[in-house]
Amino acid sequence: MELEGIQVDIKPYAGPGQLRAFADVTARTPAGELTIRGYRVVSNKVGGLWVAAPSTTYTKDGQTKNKRVVDASRATERRISEAVMEAYRRATTN
């Protein structure tokens, strides 16, 4: 699937913890638009930011597991992460 453009709807979050924002990503493809909800901008322990892809949590053998909801090529994931981070910077810079 070729992405022709990416639009990000970012919602900054100022609550406790390492979560900094929620993001929904809409990609234009030759077949039409595809919206993926549930990306997150997260802060690591030293203040760096990264984009977490949508995931679901489940329990197996008494252990909590996370599984990605969307798999994409590295190039596509990089383009989405860059678009989400740019939207986050624009939304949080005055």
N, C-alpha and C. Protein backbone atom coordinates (compact mmCIF):
# COMPACT_ATOMS: atom_id res chain seq x y z
N MET A 1 0.85 -1.17 0.00
CA MET A 1 0.00 0.00 0.00
C MET A 1 0.89 1.23 0.00
N GLU A 2 0.71 2.11 -0.94
CA GLU A 2 1.48 3.33 -1.02
C GLU A 2 0.73 4.46 -0.35
N LEU A 3 1.42 5.20 0.51
CA LEU A 3 0.82 6.34 1.19
C LEU A 3 1.10 7.59 0.39
N GLU A 4 0.06 8.33 0.06
CA GLU A 4 0.24 9.56 -0.70
C GLU A 4 0.30 10.77 0.21
N GLY A 5 -0.23 10.68 1.40
CA GLY A 5 -0.21 11.80 2.33
C GLY A 5 -0.71 11.33 3.68
N ILE A 6 -0.22 12.00 4.71
CA ILE A 6 -0.60 11.62 6.06
C ILE A 6 -1.11 12.86 6.78
N GLN A 7 -2.26 12.72 7.41
CA GLN A 7 -2.84 13.79 8.22
C GLN A 7 -2.95 13.25 9.65
N VAL A 8 -2.60 14.10 10.63
CA VAL A 8 -2.61 13.68 12.03
C VAL A 8 -3.54 14.57 12.83
N ASP A 9 -4.43 13.95 13.58
CA ASP A 9 -5.27 14.65 14.55
C ASP A 9 -4.66 14.38 15.92
N ILE A 10 -4.04 15.39 16.51
CA ILE A 10 -3.30 15.21 17.77
C ILE A 10 -4.07 15.82 18.93
N LYS A 11 -4.06 15.11 20.05
CA LYS A 11 -4.73 15.59 21.26
C LYS A 11 -3.73 15.53 22.41
N PRO A 12 -3.05 16.66 22.72
CA PRO A 12 -2.09 16.65 23.83
C PRO A 12 -2.77 16.25 25.14
N TYR A 13 -2.00 15.58 25.99
CA TYR A 13 -2.50 15.08 27.27
C TYR A 13 -1.56 15.59 28.35
N ALA A 14 -2.11 16.24 29.38
CA ALA A 14 -1.30 16.84 30.44
C ALA A 14 -1.46 16.10 31.77
N GLY A 15 -1.95 14.89 31.75
CA GLY A 15 -2.17 14.13 32.98
C GLY A 15 -0.89 13.52 33.51
N PRO A 16 -1.01 12.73 34.56
CA PRO A 16 0.17 12.10 35.16
C PRO A 16 0.74 10.99 34.26
N GLY A 17 1.97 10.62 34.53
CA GLY A 17 2.60 9.53 33.80
C GLY A 17 3.37 10.01 32.60
N GLN A 18 3.72 9.07 31.73
CA GLN A 18 4.59 9.36 30.60
C GLN A 18 3.85 9.66 29.30
N LEU A 19 2.54 9.51 29.29
CA LEU A 19 1.74 9.80 28.10
C LEU A 19 1.71 11.30 27.86
N ARG A 20 1.98 11.72 26.63
CA ARG A 20 1.99 13.14 26.30
C ARG A 20 0.89 13.54 25.31
N ALA A 21 0.42 12.58 24.50
CA ALA A 21 -0.62 12.91 23.52
C ALA A 21 -1.21 11.64 22.93
N PHE A 22 -2.43 11.78 22.44
CA PHE A 22 -3.09 10.76 21.63
C PHE A 22 -3.10 11.26 20.19
N ALA A 23 -3.04 10.35 19.23
CA ALA A 23 -3.06 10.76 17.83
C ALA A 23 -3.83 9.76 16.99
N ASP A 24 -4.60 10.30 16.06
CA ASP A 24 -5.26 9.51 15.02
C ASP A 24 -4.59 9.88 13.71
N VAL A 25 -4.28 8.90 12.89
CA VAL A 25 -3.55 9.12 11.64
C VAL A 25 -4.44 8.72 10.47
N THR A 26 -4.58 9.63 9.52
CA THR A 26 -5.31 9.34 8.29
C THR A 26 -4.33 9.37 7.13
N ALA A 27 -4.27 8.29 6.39
CA ALA A 27 -3.38 8.18 5.24
C ALA A 27 -4.22 8.09 3.97
N ARG A 28 -3.82 8.86 2.98
CA ARG A 28 -4.46 8.77 1.67
C ARG A 28 -3.72 7.70 0.87
N THR A 29 -4.48 6.77 0.31
CA THR A 29 -3.91 5.71 -0.51
C THR A 29 -4.61 5.74 -1.86
N PRO A 30 -4.09 5.05 -2.85
CA PRO A 30 -4.79 5.01 -4.15
C PRO A 30 -6.22 4.48 -4.03
N ALA A 31 -6.50 3.67 -3.01
CA ALA A 31 -7.84 3.10 -2.84
C ALA A 31 -8.76 3.99 -2.00
N GLY A 32 -8.23 5.05 -1.40
CA GLY A 32 -9.03 5.93 -0.55
C GLY A 32 -8.32 6.19 0.77
N GLU A 33 -9.04 6.76 1.70
CA GLU A 33 -8.44 7.10 2.99
C GLU A 33 -8.52 5.94 3.98
N LEU A 34 -7.50 5.86 4.83
CA LEU A 34 -7.44 4.86 5.89
C LEU A 34 -7.09 5.61 7.17
N THR A 35 -7.95 5.51 8.20
CA THR A 35 -7.69 6.16 9.49
C THR A 35 -7.36 5.09 10.52
N ILE A 36 -6.25 5.32 11.21
CA ILE A 36 -5.81 4.43 12.27
C ILE A 36 -5.83 5.24 13.56
N ARG A 37 -6.64 4.82 14.50
CA ARG A 37 -6.78 5.54 15.77
C ARG A 37 -5.95 4.87 16.85
N GLY A 38 -5.47 5.68 17.79
CA GLY A 38 -4.83 5.12 18.96
C GLY A 38 -3.32 5.23 19.04
N TYR A 39 -2.69 6.01 18.15
CA TYR A 39 -1.27 6.25 18.35
C TYR A 39 -1.10 7.10 19.61
N ARG A 40 0.09 6.99 20.24
CA ARG A 40 0.36 7.77 21.44
C ARG A 40 1.76 8.35 21.37
N VAL A 41 1.91 9.57 21.87
CA VAL A 41 3.23 10.16 22.07
C VAL A 41 3.58 9.92 23.53
N VAL A 42 4.73 9.29 23.77
CA VAL A 42 5.13 8.87 25.11
C VAL A 42 6.51 9.44 25.42
N SER A 43 6.72 9.83 26.67
CA SER A 43 8.01 10.32 27.15
C SER A 43 8.74 9.17 27.83
N ASN A 44 10.04 9.04 27.54
CA ASN A 44 10.81 8.02 28.26
C ASN A 44 11.34 8.62 29.56
N LYS A 45 12.07 7.86 30.33
CA LYS A 45 12.49 8.30 31.66
C LYS A 45 13.47 9.46 31.64
N VAL A 46 14.15 9.69 30.53
CA VAL A 46 15.08 10.82 30.45
C VAL A 46 14.51 11.98 29.64
N GLY A 47 13.21 11.93 29.34
CA GLY A 47 12.54 13.04 28.67
C GLY A 47 12.43 12.95 27.17
N GLY A 48 13.03 11.93 26.55
CA GLY A 48 12.90 11.77 25.11
C GLY A 48 11.49 11.34 24.74
N LEU A 49 11.06 11.71 23.55
CA LEU A 49 9.71 11.37 23.10
C LEU A 49 9.77 10.31 22.00
N TRP A 50 8.77 9.46 21.97
CA TRP A 50 8.64 8.46 20.92
C TRP A 50 7.17 8.20 20.65
N VAL A 51 6.89 7.61 19.50
CA VAL A 51 5.51 7.32 19.09
C VAL A 51 5.24 5.84 19.29
N ALA A 52 4.19 5.54 20.05
CA ALA A 52 3.76 4.16 20.27
C ALA A 52 2.59 3.86 19.34
N ALA A 53 2.69 2.77 18.62
CA ALA A 53 1.61 2.36 17.72
C ALA A 53 0.44 1.81 18.52
N PRO A 54 -0.76 1.82 17.94
CA PRO A 54 -1.91 1.25 18.64
C PRO A 54 -1.66 -0.20 19.02
N SER A 55 -2.11 -0.58 20.21
CA SER A 55 -1.95 -1.95 20.67
C SER A 55 -3.13 -2.36 21.53
N THR A 56 -3.23 -3.65 21.76
CA THR A 56 -4.26 -4.18 22.63
C THR A 56 -3.57 -4.98 23.73
N THR A 57 -4.18 -5.01 24.89
CA THR A 57 -3.62 -5.71 26.04
C THR A 57 -4.47 -6.94 26.34
N TYR A 58 -3.80 -8.05 26.65
CA TYR A 58 -4.51 -9.26 27.01
C TYR A 58 -3.69 -10.03 28.05
N THR A 59 -4.30 -11.00 28.68
CA THR A 59 -3.61 -11.82 29.68
C THR A 59 -3.47 -13.24 29.15
N LYS A 60 -2.25 -13.77 29.26
CA LYS A 60 -1.97 -15.14 28.84
C LYS A 60 -1.09 -15.78 29.90
N ASP A 61 -1.52 -16.91 30.41
CA ASP A 61 -0.78 -17.63 31.45
C ASP A 61 -0.48 -16.73 32.65
N GLY A 62 -1.44 -15.87 32.99
CA GLY A 62 -1.29 -15.00 34.15
C GLY A 62 -0.42 -13.78 33.92
N GLN A 63 0.08 -13.58 32.71
CA GLN A 63 0.93 -12.44 32.41
C GLN A 63 0.22 -11.50 31.45
N THR A 64 0.37 -10.20 31.70
CA THR A 64 -0.21 -9.20 30.81
C THR A 64 0.68 -9.04 29.59
N LYS A 65 0.09 -9.10 28.43
CA LYS A 65 0.82 -9.00 27.16
C LYS A 65 0.23 -7.84 26.35
N ASN A 66 1.05 -7.25 25.51
CA ASN A 66 0.61 -6.23 24.56
C ASN A 66 0.85 -6.75 23.15
N LYS A 67 -0.08 -6.45 22.26
CA LYS A 67 0.06 -6.84 20.86
C LYS A 67 -0.30 -5.66 19.98
N ARG A 68 0.56 -5.38 19.03
CA ARG A 68 0.30 -4.28 18.10
C ARG A 68 -0.96 -4.57 17.30
N VAL A 69 -1.72 -3.54 17.03
CA VAL A 69 -2.94 -3.67 16.24
C VAL A 69 -2.63 -3.51 14.76
N VAL A 70 -1.61 -2.72 14.44
CA VAL A 70 -1.25 -2.41 13.06
C VAL A 70 0.21 -2.77 12.82
N ASP A 71 0.48 -3.50 11.75
CA ASP A 71 1.85 -3.76 11.33
C ASP A 71 2.07 -3.05 10.00
N ALA A 72 3.22 -2.42 9.86
CA ALA A 72 3.55 -1.70 8.63
C ALA A 72 5.05 -1.84 8.37
N SER A 73 5.46 -1.51 7.17
CA SER A 73 6.89 -1.54 6.85
C SER A 73 7.61 -0.49 7.68
N ARG A 74 8.91 -0.65 7.81
CA ARG A 74 9.71 0.32 8.57
C ARG A 74 9.56 1.72 7.98
N ALA A 75 9.58 1.81 6.67
CA ALA A 75 9.47 3.11 6.02
C ALA A 75 8.13 3.77 6.33
N THR A 76 7.06 2.99 6.30
CA THR A 76 5.73 3.53 6.62
C THR A 76 5.66 3.92 8.08
N GLU A 77 6.17 3.09 8.97
CA GLU A 77 6.16 3.43 10.39
C GLU A 77 6.95 4.70 10.65
N ARG A 78 8.08 4.85 9.98
CA ARG A 78 8.91 6.05 10.14
C ARG A 78 8.15 7.30 9.67
N ARG A 79 7.48 7.21 8.51
CA ARG A 79 6.71 8.36 8.01
C ARG A 79 5.59 8.72 8.97
N ILE A 80 4.91 7.73 9.51
CA ILE A 80 3.82 7.99 10.46
C ILE A 80 4.38 8.62 11.73
N SER A 81 5.47 8.05 12.27
CA SER A 81 6.07 8.60 13.50
C SER A 81 6.52 10.04 13.30
N GLU A 82 7.15 10.33 12.16
CA GLU A 82 7.59 11.69 11.89
C GLU A 82 6.40 12.65 11.80
N ALA A 83 5.33 12.22 11.17
CA ALA A 83 4.14 13.06 11.05
C ALA A 83 3.49 13.31 12.41
N VAL A 84 3.43 12.27 13.25
CA VAL A 84 2.85 12.41 14.59
C VAL A 84 3.71 13.35 15.43
N MET A 85 5.03 13.19 15.40
CA MET A 85 5.91 14.05 16.19
C MET A 85 5.83 15.50 15.72
N GLU A 86 5.76 15.72 14.43
CA GLU A 86 5.63 17.09 13.91
C GLU A 86 4.31 17.71 14.38
N ALA A 87 3.23 16.96 14.32
CA ALA A 87 1.94 17.46 14.80
C ALA A 87 1.99 17.76 16.29
N TYR A 88 2.68 16.91 17.05
CA TYR A 88 2.82 17.13 18.49
C TYR A 88 3.61 18.41 18.76
N ARG A 89 4.71 18.60 18.05
CA ARG A 89 5.52 19.82 18.24
C ARG A 89 4.71 21.07 17.92
N ARG A 90 3.97 21.03 16.83
CA ARG A 90 3.13 22.20 16.45
C ARG A 90 2.07 22.46 17.52
N ALA A 91 1.48 21.40 18.06
CA ALA A 91 0.39 21.56 19.03
C ALA A 91 0.89 22.04 20.39
N THR A 92 2.14 21.79 20.71
CA THR A 92 2.64 22.12 22.05
C THR A 92 3.60 23.30 22.06
N THR A 93 3.90 23.87 20.90
CA THR A 93 4.78 25.03 20.84
C THR A 93 3.94 26.27 20.59
N ASN A 94 4.16 27.27 21.42
CA ASN A 94 3.39 28.53 21.25
C ASN A 94 4.22 29.57 20.60
